[in-house]
mmCIF file of all heavy atoms, coordinates in Angstrom:
data_MODEL
# 
_entry.id   MODEL 
# 
loop_
_atom_site.group_PDB 
_atom_site.id 
_atom_site.type_symbol 
_atom_site.label_atom_id 
_atom_site.label_alt_id 
_atom_site.label_comp_id 
_atom_site.label_asym_id 
_atom_site.label_entity_id 
_atom_site.label_seq_id 
_atom_site.pdbx_PDB_ins_code 
_atom_site.Cartn_x 
_atom_site.Cartn_y 
_atom_site.Cartn_z 
_atom_site.occupancy 
_atom_site.B_iso_or_equiv 
_atom_site.pdbx_formal_charge 
_atom_site.auth_seq_id 
_atom_site.auth_comp_id 
_atom_site.auth_asym_id 
_atom_site.auth_atom_id 
_atom_site.pdbx_PDB_model_num 
ATOM 1   N N   . ALA A 1 1  ? 6.033   9.108   -3.315  1.00 0.00 ? 1  ALA A N   1 
ATOM 2   C CA  . ALA A 1 1  ? 6.389   8.331   -2.212  1.00 0.00 ? 1  ALA A CA  1 
ATOM 3   C C   . ALA A 1 1  ? 6.150   6.843   -2.570  1.00 0.00 ? 1  ALA A C   1 
ATOM 4   O O   . ALA A 1 1  ? 5.305   6.538   -3.371  1.00 0.00 ? 1  ALA A O   1 
ATOM 5   C CB  . ALA A 1 1  ? 5.583   8.690   -0.967  1.00 0.00 ? 1  ALA A CB  1 
ATOM 6   N N   . VAL A 1 2  ? 6.929   5.974   -1.945  1.00 0.00 ? 2  VAL A N   1 
ATOM 7   C CA  . VAL A 1 2  ? 6.737   4.538   -2.133  1.00 0.00 ? 2  VAL A CA  1 
ATOM 8   C C   . VAL A 1 2  ? 5.815   4.021   -0.978  1.00 0.00 ? 2  VAL A C   1 
ATOM 9   O O   . VAL A 1 2  ? 6.213   4.055   0.201   1.00 0.00 ? 2  VAL A O   1 
ATOM 10  C CB  . VAL A 1 2  ? 8.073   3.772   -2.103  1.00 0.00 ? 2  VAL A CB  1 
ATOM 11  C CG1 . VAL A 1 2  ? 7.817   2.325   -2.252  1.00 0.00 ? 2  VAL A CG1 1 
ATOM 12  C CG2 . VAL A 1 2  ? 8.982   4.275   -3.244  1.00 0.00 ? 2  VAL A CG2 1 
ATOM 13  N N   . PHE A 1 3  ? 4.674   3.584   -1.406  1.00 0.00 ? 3  PHE A N   1 
ATOM 14  C CA  . PHE A 1 3  ? 3.611   3.104   -0.448  1.00 0.00 ? 3  PHE A CA  1 
ATOM 15  C C   . PHE A 1 3  ? 3.773   1.577   -0.333  1.00 0.00 ? 3  PHE A C   1 
ATOM 16  O O   . PHE A 1 3  ? 3.837   0.860   -1.345  1.00 0.00 ? 3  PHE A O   1 
ATOM 17  C CB  . PHE A 1 3  ? 2.244   3.459   -0.976  1.00 0.00 ? 3  PHE A CB  1 
ATOM 18  C CG  . PHE A 1 3  ? 1.097   3.056   -0.144  1.00 0.00 ? 3  PHE A CG  1 
ATOM 19  C CD1 . PHE A 1 3  ? 0.967   3.463   1.179   1.00 0.00 ? 3  PHE A CD1 1 
ATOM 20  C CD2 . PHE A 1 3  ? 0.132   2.178   -0.700  1.00 0.00 ? 3  PHE A CD2 1 
ATOM 21  C CE1 . PHE A 1 3  ? -0.138  3.020   1.938   1.00 0.00 ? 3  PHE A CE1 1 
ATOM 22  C CE2 . PHE A 1 3  ? -0.965  1.782   0.070   1.00 0.00 ? 3  PHE A CE2 1 
ATOM 23  C CZ  . PHE A 1 3  ? -1.097  2.192   1.370   1.00 0.00 ? 3  PHE A CZ  1 
ATOM 24  N N   . LEU A 1 4  ? 3.802   1.119   0.889   1.00 0.00 ? 4  LEU A N   1 
ATOM 25  C CA  . LEU A 1 4  ? 3.870   -0.342  1.186   1.00 0.00 ? 4  LEU A CA  1 
ATOM 26  C C   . LEU A 1 4  ? 2.493   -0.845  1.552   1.00 0.00 ? 4  LEU A C   1 
ATOM 27  O O   . LEU A 1 4  ? 1.811   -0.238  2.426   1.00 0.00 ? 4  LEU A O   1 
ATOM 28  C CB  . LEU A 1 4  ? 4.840   -0.594  2.331   1.00 0.00 ? 4  LEU A CB  1 
ATOM 29  C CG  . LEU A 1 4  ? 6.258   -0.090  2.215   1.00 0.00 ? 4  LEU A CG  1 
ATOM 30  C CD1 . LEU A 1 4  ? 7.045   -0.331  3.448   1.00 0.00 ? 4  LEU A CD1 1 
ATOM 31  C CD2 . LEU A 1 4  ? 6.931   -0.742  1.012   1.00 0.00 ? 4  LEU A CD2 1 
ATOM 32  N N   . PHE A 1 5  ? 1.993   -1.904  0.907   1.00 0.00 ? 5  PHE A N   1 
ATOM 33  C CA  . PHE A 1 5  ? 0.714   -2.395  1.195   1.00 0.00 ? 5  PHE A CA  1 
ATOM 34  C C   . PHE A 1 5  ? 0.778   -3.911  1.334   1.00 0.00 ? 5  PHE A C   1 
ATOM 35  O O   . PHE A 1 5  ? 1.096   -4.620  0.347   1.00 0.00 ? 5  PHE A O   1 
ATOM 36  C CB  . PHE A 1 5  ? -0.321  -2.041  0.085   1.00 0.00 ? 5  PHE A CB  1 
ATOM 37  C CG  . PHE A 1 5  ? -1.739  -2.229  0.496   1.00 0.00 ? 5  PHE A CG  1 
ATOM 38  C CD1 . PHE A 1 5  ? -2.352  -1.340  1.393   1.00 0.00 ? 5  PHE A CD1 1 
ATOM 39  C CD2 . PHE A 1 5  ? -2.465  -3.312  -0.045  1.00 0.00 ? 5  PHE A CD2 1 
ATOM 40  C CE1 . PHE A 1 5  ? -3.694  -1.515  1.710   1.00 0.00 ? 5  PHE A CE1 1 
ATOM 41  C CE2 . PHE A 1 5  ? -3.822  -3.452  0.327   1.00 0.00 ? 5  PHE A CE2 1 
ATOM 42  C CZ  . PHE A 1 5  ? -4.428  -2.589  1.222   1.00 0.00 ? 5  PHE A CZ  1 
ATOM 43  N N   . GLY A 1 6  ? 0.577   -4.395  2.539   1.00 0.00 ? 6  GLY A N   1 
ATOM 44  C CA  . GLY A 1 6  ? 0.774   -5.809  2.841   1.00 0.00 ? 6  GLY A CA  1 
ATOM 45  C C   . GLY A 1 6  ? -0.549  -6.555  3.115   1.00 0.00 ? 6  GLY A C   1 
ATOM 46  O O   . GLY A 1 6  ? -1.579  -6.174  2.618   1.00 0.00 ? 6  GLY A O   1 
ATOM 47  N N   . GLY A 1 7  ? -0.405  -7.547  4.006   1.00 0.00 ? 7  GLY A N   1 
ATOM 48  C CA  . GLY A 1 7  ? -1.565  -8.361  4.321   1.00 0.00 ? 7  GLY A CA  1 
ATOM 49  C C   . GLY A 1 7  ? -2.035  -8.160  5.733   1.00 0.00 ? 7  GLY A C   1 
ATOM 50  O O   . GLY A 1 7  ? -1.717  -7.126  6.403   1.00 0.00 ? 7  GLY A O   1 
ATOM 51  N N   . ALA A 1 8  ? -2.721  -9.136  6.288   1.00 0.00 ? 8  ALA A N   1 
ATOM 52  C CA  . ALA A 1 8  ? -3.264  -9.015  7.633   1.00 0.00 ? 8  ALA A CA  1 
ATOM 53  C C   . ALA A 1 8  ? -2.312  -9.299  8.726   1.00 0.00 ? 8  ALA A C   1 
ATOM 54  O O   . ALA A 1 8  ? -2.544  -9.033  9.866   1.00 0.00 ? 8  ALA A O   1 
ATOM 55  C CB  . ALA A 1 8  ? -4.443  -9.955  7.763   1.00 0.00 ? 8  ALA A CB  1 
ATOM 56  N N   . LYS A 1 9  ? -1.076  -9.769  8.349   1.00 0.00 ? 9  LYS A N   1 
ATOM 57  C CA  . LYS A 1 9  ? -0.032  -10.047 9.300   1.00 0.00 ? 9  LYS A CA  1 
ATOM 58  C C   . LYS A 1 9  ? 1.173   -9.174  8.979   1.00 0.00 ? 9  LYS A C   1 
ATOM 59  O O   . LYS A 1 9  ? 1.490   -8.963  7.779   1.00 0.00 ? 9  LYS A O   1 
ATOM 60  C CB  . LYS A 1 9  ? 0.364   -11.505 9.261   1.00 0.00 ? 9  LYS A CB  1 
ATOM 61  C CG  . LYS A 1 9  ? -0.707  -12.473 9.720   1.00 0.00 ? 9  LYS A CG  1 
ATOM 62  C CD  . LYS A 1 9  ? -0.214  -13.931 9.706   1.00 0.00 ? 9  LYS A CD  1 
ATOM 63  C CE  . LYS A 1 9  ? 0.120   -14.377 8.277   1.00 0.00 ? 9  LYS A CE  1 
ATOM 64  N NZ  . LYS A 1 9  ? 0.544   -15.813 8.306   1.00 0.00 ? 9  LYS A NZ  1 
ATOM 65  N N   . ARG A 1 10 ? 1.859   -8.699  10.030  1.00 0.00 ? 10 ARG A N   1 
ATOM 66  C CA  . ARG A 1 10 ? 3.052   -7.861  9.787   1.00 0.00 ? 10 ARG A CA  1 
ATOM 67  C C   . ARG A 1 10 ? 4.089   -8.627  8.976   1.00 0.00 ? 10 ARG A C   1 
ATOM 68  O O   . ARG A 1 10 ? 4.852   -8.003  8.189   1.00 0.00 ? 10 ARG A O   1 
ATOM 69  C CB  . ARG A 1 10 ? 3.636   -7.409  11.134  1.00 0.00 ? 10 ARG A CB  1 
ATOM 70  C CG  . ARG A 1 10 ? 4.772   -6.412  11.007  1.00 0.00 ? 10 ARG A CG  1 
ATOM 71  C CD  . ARG A 1 10 ? 5.362   -6.066  12.348  1.00 0.00 ? 10 ARG A CD  1 
ATOM 72  N NE  . ARG A 1 10 ? 4.411   -5.390  13.162  1.00 0.00 ? 10 ARG A NE  1 
ATOM 73  C CZ  . ARG A 1 10 ? 4.241   -4.065  13.175  1.00 0.00 ? 10 ARG A CZ  1 
ATOM 74  N NH1 . ARG A 1 10 ? 4.893   -3.299  12.326  1.00 0.00 ? 10 ARG A NH1 1 
ATOM 75  N NH2 . ARG A 1 10 ? 3.355   -3.515  13.999  1.00 0.00 ? 10 ARG A NH2 1 
ATOM 76  N N   . SER A 1 11 ? 4.132   -9.927  9.154   1.00 0.00 ? 11 SER A N   1 
ATOM 77  C CA  . SER A 1 11 ? 5.174   -10.740 8.433   1.00 0.00 ? 11 SER A CA  1 
ATOM 78  C C   . SER A 1 11 ? 4.832   -10.892 6.956   1.00 0.00 ? 11 SER A C   1 
ATOM 79  O O   . SER A 1 11 ? 5.701   -11.318 6.174   1.00 0.00 ? 11 SER A O   1 
ATOM 80  C CB  . SER A 1 11 ? 5.258   -12.091 9.109   1.00 0.00 ? 11 SER A CB  1 
ATOM 81  O OG  . SER A 1 11 ? 4.048   -12.759 9.083   1.00 0.00 ? 11 SER A OG  1 
ATOM 82  N N   . ASP A 1 12 ? 3.617   -10.587 6.522   1.00 0.00 ? 12 ASP A N   1 
ATOM 83  C CA  . ASP A 1 12 ? 3.260   -10.641 5.116   1.00 0.00 ? 12 ASP A CA  1 
ATOM 84  C C   . ASP A 1 12 ? 4.110   -9.710  4.311   1.00 0.00 ? 12 ASP A C   1 
ATOM 85  O O   . ASP A 1 12 ? 4.152   -8.485  4.661   1.00 0.00 ? 12 ASP A O   1 
ATOM 86  C CB  . ASP A 1 12 ? 1.832   -10.379 4.827   1.00 0.00 ? 12 ASP A CB  1 
ATOM 87  C CG  . ASP A 1 12 ? 0.896   -11.471 5.428   1.00 0.00 ? 12 ASP A CG  1 
ATOM 88  O OD1 . ASP A 1 12 ? 1.399   -12.590 5.623   1.00 0.00 ? 12 ASP A OD1 1 
ATOM 89  O OD2 . ASP A 1 12 ? -0.305  -11.165 5.706   1.00 0.00 ? 12 ASP A OD2 1 
ATOM 90  N N   . LYS A 1 13 ? 4.721   -10.119 3.226   1.00 0.00 ? 13 LYS A N   1 
ATOM 91  C CA  . LYS A 1 13 ? 5.536   -9.215  2.435   1.00 0.00 ? 13 LYS A CA  1 
ATOM 92  C C   . LYS A 1 13 ? 4.720   -8.165  1.722   1.00 0.00 ? 13 LYS A C   1 
ATOM 93  O O   . LYS A 1 13 ? 3.798   -8.514  0.916   1.00 0.00 ? 13 LYS A O   1 
ATOM 94  C CB  . LYS A 1 13 ? 6.359   -10.022 1.448   1.00 0.00 ? 13 LYS A CB  1 
ATOM 95  C CG  . LYS A 1 13 ? 7.343   -9.155  0.607   1.00 0.00 ? 13 LYS A CG  1 
ATOM 96  C CD  . LYS A 1 13 ? 8.164   -9.988  -0.386  1.00 0.00 ? 13 LYS A CD  1 
ATOM 97  C CE  . LYS A 1 13 ? 9.084   -9.065  -1.190  1.00 0.00 ? 13 LYS A CE  1 
ATOM 98  N NZ  . LYS A 1 13 ? 9.924   -9.921  -2.145  1.00 0.00 ? 13 LYS A NZ  1 
ATOM 99  N N   . PRO A 1 14 ? 4.949   -6.893  1.911   1.00 0.00 ? 14 PRO A N   1 
ATOM 100 C CA  . PRO A 1 14 ? 4.098   -5.887  1.306   1.00 0.00 ? 14 PRO A CA  1 
ATOM 101 C C   . PRO A 1 14 ? 4.545   -5.625  -0.158  1.00 0.00 ? 14 PRO A C   1 
ATOM 102 O O   . PRO A 1 14 ? 5.692   -5.771  -0.519  1.00 0.00 ? 14 PRO A O   1 
ATOM 103 C CB  . PRO A 1 14 ? 4.389   -4.608  2.148   1.00 0.00 ? 14 PRO A CB  1 
ATOM 104 C CG  . PRO A 1 14 ? 5.829   -4.816  2.651   1.00 0.00 ? 14 PRO A CG  1 
ATOM 105 C CD  . PRO A 1 14 ? 5.967   -6.312  2.877   1.00 0.00 ? 14 PRO A CD  1 
ATOM 106 N N   . GLN A 1 15 ? 3.557   -5.233  -0.949  1.00 0.00 ? 15 GLN A N   1 
ATOM 107 C CA  . GLN A 1 15 ? 3.831   -4.796  -2.298  1.00 0.00 ? 15 GLN A CA  1 
ATOM 108 C C   . GLN A 1 15 ? 4.181   -3.304  -2.211  1.00 0.00 ? 15 GLN A C   1 
ATOM 109 O O   . GLN A 1 15 ? 3.845   -2.571  -1.275  1.00 0.00 ? 15 GLN A O   1 
ATOM 110 C CB  . GLN A 1 15 ? 2.570   -5.005  -3.160  1.00 0.00 ? 15 GLN A CB  1 
ATOM 111 C CG  . GLN A 1 15 ? 2.152   -6.424  -3.360  1.00 0.00 ? 15 GLN A CG  1 
ATOM 112 C CD  . GLN A 1 15 ? 3.226   -7.233  -4.065  1.00 0.00 ? 15 GLN A CD  1 
ATOM 113 O OE1 . GLN A 1 15 ? 3.713   -6.888  -5.090  1.00 0.00 ? 15 GLN A OE1 1 
ATOM 114 N NE2 . GLN A 1 15 ? 3.574   -8.344  -3.452  1.00 0.00 ? 15 GLN A NE2 1 
ATOM 115 N N   . ARG A 1 16 ? 4.912   -2.835  -3.260  1.00 0.00 ? 16 ARG A N   1 
ATOM 116 C CA  . ARG A 1 16 ? 5.356   -1.468  -3.302  1.00 0.00 ? 16 ARG A CA  1 
ATOM 117 C C   . ARG A 1 16 ? 4.671   -0.760  -4.433  1.00 0.00 ? 16 ARG A C   1 
ATOM 118 O O   . ARG A 1 16 ? 4.593   -1.245  -5.575  1.00 0.00 ? 16 ARG A O   1 
ATOM 119 C CB  . ARG A 1 16 ? 6.861   -1.359  -3.468  1.00 0.00 ? 16 ARG A CB  1 
ATOM 120 C CG  . ARG A 1 16 ? 7.651   -1.968  -2.282  1.00 0.00 ? 16 ARG A CG  1 
ATOM 121 C CD  . ARG A 1 16 ? 9.142   -1.729  -2.440  1.00 0.00 ? 16 ARG A CD  1 
ATOM 122 N NE  . ARG A 1 16 ? 9.849   -2.257  -1.300  1.00 0.00 ? 16 ARG A NE  1 
ATOM 123 C CZ  . ARG A 1 16 ? 11.154  -1.935  -1.017  1.00 0.00 ? 16 ARG A CZ  1 
ATOM 124 N NH1 . ARG A 1 16 ? 11.817  -1.069  -1.796  1.00 0.00 ? 16 ARG A NH1 1 
ATOM 125 N NH2 . ARG A 1 16 ? 11.728  -2.466  0.005   1.00 0.00 ? 16 ARG A NH2 1 
ATOM 126 N N   . TYR A 1 17 ? 4.117   0.425   -4.176  1.00 0.00 ? 17 TYR A N   1 
ATOM 127 C CA  . TYR A 1 17 ? 3.487   1.227   -5.225  1.00 0.00 ? 17 TYR A CA  1 
ATOM 128 C C   . TYR A 1 17 ? 4.044   2.671   -5.123  1.00 0.00 ? 17 TYR A C   1 
ATOM 129 O O   . TYR A 1 17 ? 4.045   3.275   -3.999  1.00 0.00 ? 17 TYR A O   1 
ATOM 130 C CB  . TYR A 1 17 ? 1.919   1.250   -5.012  1.00 0.00 ? 17 TYR A CB  1 
ATOM 131 C CG  . TYR A 1 17 ? 1.366   -0.138  -5.071  1.00 0.00 ? 17 TYR A CG  1 
ATOM 132 C CD1 . TYR A 1 17 ? 1.213   -0.925  -3.913  1.00 0.00 ? 17 TYR A CD1 1 
ATOM 133 C CD2 . TYR A 1 17 ? 1.000   -0.697  -6.314  1.00 0.00 ? 17 TYR A CD2 1 
ATOM 134 C CE1 . TYR A 1 17 ? 0.657   -2.178  -3.976  1.00 0.00 ? 17 TYR A CE1 1 
ATOM 135 C CE2 . TYR A 1 17 ? 0.467   -1.952  -6.364  1.00 0.00 ? 17 TYR A CE2 1 
ATOM 136 C CZ  . TYR A 1 17 ? 0.303   -2.723  -5.193  1.00 0.00 ? 17 TYR A CZ  1 
ATOM 137 O OH  . TYR A 1 17 ? -0.236  -3.989  -5.269  1.00 0.00 ? 17 TYR A OH  1 
ATOM 138 N N   . ARG A 1 18 ? 4.349   3.256   -6.214  1.00 0.00 ? 18 ARG A N   1 
ATOM 139 C CA  . ARG A 1 18 ? 4.852   4.625   -6.198  1.00 0.00 ? 18 ARG A CA  1 
ATOM 140 C C   . ARG A 1 18 ? 3.661   5.533   -6.328  1.00 0.00 ? 18 ARG A C   1 
ATOM 141 O O   . ARG A 1 18 ? 2.945   5.585   -7.384  1.00 0.00 ? 18 ARG A O   1 
ATOM 142 C CB  . ARG A 1 18 ? 5.804   4.860   -7.400  1.00 0.00 ? 18 ARG A CB  1 
ATOM 143 C CG  . ARG A 1 18 ? 6.584   6.179   -7.314  1.00 0.00 ? 18 ARG A CG  1 
ATOM 144 C CD  . ARG A 1 18 ? 7.697   6.177   -8.314  1.00 0.00 ? 18 ARG A CD  1 
ATOM 145 N NE  . ARG A 1 18 ? 8.537   7.354   -8.079  1.00 0.00 ? 18 ARG A NE  1 
ATOM 146 C CZ  . ARG A 1 18 ? 8.552   8.447   -8.945  1.00 0.00 ? 18 ARG A CZ  1 
ATOM 147 N NH1 . ARG A 1 18 ? 7.733   8.394   -9.991  1.00 0.00 ? 18 ARG A NH1 1 
ATOM 148 N NH2 . ARG A 1 18 ? 9.285   9.468   -8.761  1.00 0.00 ? 18 ARG A NH2 1 
ATOM 149 N N   . LEU A 1 19 ? 3.422   6.307   -5.288  1.00 0.00 ? 19 LEU A N   1 
ATOM 150 C CA  . LEU A 1 19 ? 2.276   7.215   -5.266  1.00 0.00 ? 19 LEU A CA  1 
ATOM 151 C C   . LEU A 1 19 ? 2.713   8.632   -5.745  1.00 0.00 ? 19 LEU A C   1 
ATOM 152 O O   . LEU A 1 19 ? 3.724   9.111   -5.255  1.00 0.00 ? 19 LEU A O   1 
ATOM 153 C CB  . LEU A 1 19 ? 1.675   7.311   -3.878  1.00 0.00 ? 19 LEU A CB  1 
ATOM 154 C CG  . LEU A 1 19 ? 1.113   6.062   -3.318  1.00 0.00 ? 19 LEU A CG  1 
ATOM 155 C CD1 . LEU A 1 19 ? 0.492   6.274   -1.900  1.00 0.00 ? 19 LEU A CD1 1 
ATOM 156 C CD2 . LEU A 1 19 ? 0.112   5.355   -4.239  1.00 0.00 ? 19 LEU A CD2 1 
ATOM 157 N N   . LEU A 1 20 ? 1.956   9.234   -6.594  1.00 0.00 ? 20 LEU A N   1 
ATOM 158 C CA  . LEU A 1 20 ? 2.239   10.528  -7.179  1.00 0.00 ? 20 LEU A CA  1 
ATOM 159 C C   . LEU A 1 20 ? 1.222   11.530  -6.765  1.00 0.00 ? 20 LEU A C   1 
ATOM 160 O O   . LEU A 1 20 ? 0.179   11.197  -6.182  1.00 0.00 ? 20 LEU A O   1 
ATOM 161 C CB  . LEU A 1 20 ? 2.300   10.375  -8.712  1.00 0.00 ? 20 LEU A CB  1 
ATOM 162 C CG  . LEU A 1 20 ? 3.264   9.309   -9.238  1.00 0.00 ? 20 LEU A CG  1 
ATOM 163 C CD1 . LEU A 1 20 ? 3.035   9.022   -10.685 1.00 0.00 ? 20 LEU A CD1 1 
ATOM 164 C CD2 . LEU A 1 20 ? 4.709   9.774   -9.002  1.00 0.00 ? 20 LEU A CD2 1 
ATOM 165 N N   . HIS A 1 21 ? 1.485   12.751  -7.055  1.00 0.00 ? 21 HIS A N   1 
ATOM 166 C CA  . HIS A 1 21 ? 0.619   13.910  -6.735  1.00 0.00 ? 21 HIS A CA  1 
ATOM 167 C C   . HIS A 1 21 ? -0.764  13.708  -7.314  1.00 0.00 ? 21 HIS A C   1 
ATOM 168 O O   . HIS A 1 21 ? -0.961  13.471  -8.483  1.00 0.00 ? 21 HIS A O   1 
ATOM 169 C CB  . HIS A 1 21 ? 1.198   15.156  -7.285  1.00 0.00 ? 21 HIS A CB  1 
ATOM 170 C CG  . HIS A 1 21 ? 0.403   16.392  -7.037  1.00 0.00 ? 21 HIS A CG  1 
ATOM 171 N ND1 . HIS A 1 21 ? 0.290   16.976  -5.790  1.00 0.00 ? 21 HIS A ND1 1 
ATOM 172 C CD2 . HIS A 1 21 ? -0.426  17.061  -7.843  1.00 0.00 ? 21 HIS A CD2 1 
ATOM 173 C CE1 . HIS A 1 21 ? -0.505  18.025  -5.884  1.00 0.00 ? 21 HIS A CE1 1 
ATOM 174 N NE2 . HIS A 1 21 ? -0.968  18.114  -7.120  1.00 0.00 ? 21 HIS A NE2 1 
ATOM 175 N N   . GLY A 1 22 ? -1.796  13.625  -6.421  1.00 0.00 ? 22 GLY A N   1 
ATOM 176 C CA  . GLY A 1 22 ? -3.185  13.477  -6.830  1.00 0.00 ? 22 GLY A CA  1 
ATOM 177 C C   . GLY A 1 22 ? -3.687  12.009  -6.712  1.00 0.00 ? 22 GLY A C   1 
ATOM 178 O O   . GLY A 1 22 ? -4.862  11.788  -6.899  1.00 0.00 ? 22 GLY A O   1 
ATOM 179 N N   . ASP A 1 23 ? -2.796  11.059  -6.466  1.00 0.00 ? 23 ASP A N   1 
ATOM 180 C CA  . ASP A 1 23 ? -3.196  9.701   -6.340  1.00 0.00 ? 23 ASP A CA  1 
ATOM 181 C C   . ASP A 1 23 ? -4.028  9.473   -5.030  1.00 0.00 ? 23 ASP A C   1 
ATOM 182 O O   . ASP A 1 23 ? -3.721  10.131  -4.022  1.00 0.00 ? 23 ASP A O   1 
ATOM 183 C CB  . ASP A 1 23 ? -2.018  8.760   -6.324  1.00 0.00 ? 23 ASP A CB  1 
ATOM 184 C CG  . ASP A 1 23 ? -1.370  8.573   -7.692  1.00 0.00 ? 23 ASP A CG  1 
ATOM 185 O OD1 . ASP A 1 23 ? -1.988  9.033   -8.714  1.00 0.00 ? 23 ASP A OD1 1 
ATOM 186 O OD2 . ASP A 1 23 ? -0.301  7.968   -7.771  1.00 0.00 ? 23 ASP A OD2 1 
ATOM 187 N N   . VAL A 1 24 ? -4.999  8.589   -5.099  1.00 0.00 ? 24 VAL A N   1 
ATOM 188 C CA  . VAL A 1 24 ? -5.816  8.276   -3.934  1.00 0.00 ? 24 VAL A CA  1 
ATOM 189 C C   . VAL A 1 24 ? -5.836  6.751   -3.813  1.00 0.00 ? 24 VAL A C   1 
ATOM 190 O O   . VAL A 1 24 ? -6.097  6.026   -4.763  1.00 0.00 ? 24 VAL A O   1 
ATOM 191 C CB  . VAL A 1 24 ? -7.268  8.823   -4.065  1.00 0.00 ? 24 VAL A CB  1 
ATOM 192 C CG1 . VAL A 1 24 ? -8.086  8.436   -2.834  1.00 0.00 ? 24 VAL A CG1 1 
ATOM 193 C CG2 . VAL A 1 24 ? -7.236  10.325  -4.263  1.00 0.00 ? 24 VAL A CG2 1 
ATOM 194 N N   . VAL A 1 25 ? -5.648  6.257   -2.557  1.00 0.00 ? 25 VAL A N   1 
ATOM 195 C CA  . VAL A 1 25 ? -5.714  4.816   -2.293  1.00 0.00 ? 25 VAL A CA  1 
ATOM 196 C C   . VAL A 1 25 ? -6.912  4.644   -1.352  1.00 0.00 ? 25 VAL A C   1 
ATOM 197 O O   . VAL A 1 25 ? -7.078  5.421   -0.343  1.00 0.00 ? 25 VAL A O   1 
ATOM 198 C CB  . VAL A 1 25 ? -4.449  4.246   -1.629  1.00 0.00 ? 25 VAL A CB  1 
ATOM 199 C CG1 . VAL A 1 25 ? -4.603  2.723   -1.372  1.00 0.00 ? 25 VAL A CG1 1 
ATOM 200 C CG2 . VAL A 1 25 ? -3.202  4.486   -2.525  1.00 0.00 ? 25 VAL A CG2 1 
ATOM 201 N N   . VAL A 1 26 ? -7.724  3.680   -1.671  1.00 0.00 ? 26 VAL A N   1 
ATOM 202 C CA  . VAL A 1 26 ? -8.932  3.315   -0.818  1.00 0.00 ? 26 VAL A CA  1 
ATOM 203 C C   . VAL A 1 26 ? -8.783  1.851   -0.492  1.00 0.00 ? 26 VAL A C   1 
ATOM 204 O O   . VAL A 1 26 ? -8.626  1.010   -1.389  1.00 0.00 ? 26 VAL A O   1 
ATOM 205 C CB  . VAL A 1 26 ? -10.248 3.576   -1.588  1.00 0.00 ? 26 VAL A CB  1 
ATOM 206 C CG1 . VAL A 1 26 ? -11.445 3.297   -0.668  1.00 0.00 ? 26 VAL A CG1 1 
ATOM 207 C CG2 . VAL A 1 26 ? -10.310 5.010   -2.099  1.00 0.00 ? 26 VAL A CG2 1 
ATOM 208 N N   . TRP A 1 27 ? -8.947  1.506   0.792   1.00 0.00 ? 27 TRP A N   1 
ATOM 209 C CA  . TRP A 1 27 ? -8.980  0.070   1.161   1.00 0.00 ? 27 TRP A CA  1 
ATOM 210 C C   . TRP A 1 27 ? -9.951  -0.123  2.259   1.00 0.00 ? 27 TRP A C   1 
ATOM 211 O O   . TRP A 1 27 ? -10.171 0.679   3.137   1.00 0.00 ? 27 TRP A O   1 
ATOM 212 C CB  . TRP A 1 27 ? -7.565  -0.439  1.488   1.00 0.00 ? 27 TRP A CB  1 
ATOM 213 C CG  . TRP A 1 27 ? -6.921  0.107   2.731   1.00 0.00 ? 27 TRP A CG  1 
ATOM 214 C CD1 . TRP A 1 27 ? -6.908  -0.481  3.965   1.00 0.00 ? 27 TRP A CD1 1 
ATOM 215 C CD2 . TRP A 1 27 ? -6.105  1.302   2.870   1.00 0.00 ? 27 TRP A CD2 1 
ATOM 216 N NE1 . TRP A 1 27 ? -6.171  0.277   4.867   1.00 0.00 ? 27 TRP A NE1 1 
ATOM 217 C CE2 . TRP A 1 27 ? -5.641  1.345   4.170   1.00 0.00 ? 27 TRP A CE2 1 
ATOM 218 C CE3 . TRP A 1 27 ? -5.701  2.278   1.910   1.00 0.00 ? 27 TRP A CE3 1 
ATOM 219 C CZ2 . TRP A 1 27 ? -4.854  2.403   4.646   1.00 0.00 ? 27 TRP A CZ2 1 
ATOM 220 C CZ3 . TRP A 1 27 ? -4.865  3.286   2.377   1.00 0.00 ? 27 TRP A CZ3 1 
ATOM 221 C CH2 . TRP A 1 27 ? -4.445  3.383   3.688   1.00 0.00 ? 27 TRP A CH2 1 
ATOM 222 N N   . GLY A 1 28 ? -10.635 -1.304  2.181   1.00 0.00 ? 28 GLY A N   1 
ATOM 223 C CA  . GLY A 1 28 ? -11.632 -1.638  3.140   1.00 0.00 ? 28 GLY A CA  1 
ATOM 224 C C   . GLY A 1 28 ? -12.016 -3.096  2.956   1.00 0.00 ? 28 GLY A C   1 
ATOM 225 O O   . GLY A 1 28 ? -11.249 -3.870  2.283   1.00 0.00 ? 28 GLY A O   1 
ATOM 226 N N   . GLY A 1 29 ? -13.116 -3.564  3.520   1.00 0.00 ? 29 GLY A N   1 
ATOM 227 C CA  . GLY A 1 29 ? -13.559 -4.920  3.356   1.00 0.00 ? 29 GLY A CA  1 
ATOM 228 C C   . GLY A 1 29 ? -12.467 -5.910  3.775   1.00 0.00 ? 29 GLY A C   1 
ATOM 229 O O   . GLY A 1 29 ? -11.910 -5.793  4.921   1.00 0.00 ? 29 GLY A O   1 
# 
């Protein structure tokens, strides 16, 4: 799947990452 990861505002342009079987994304802070 193509995962979109942007900023704190909806208008921030998100980066695209292709997630594969077994991938894990962690975000915080």
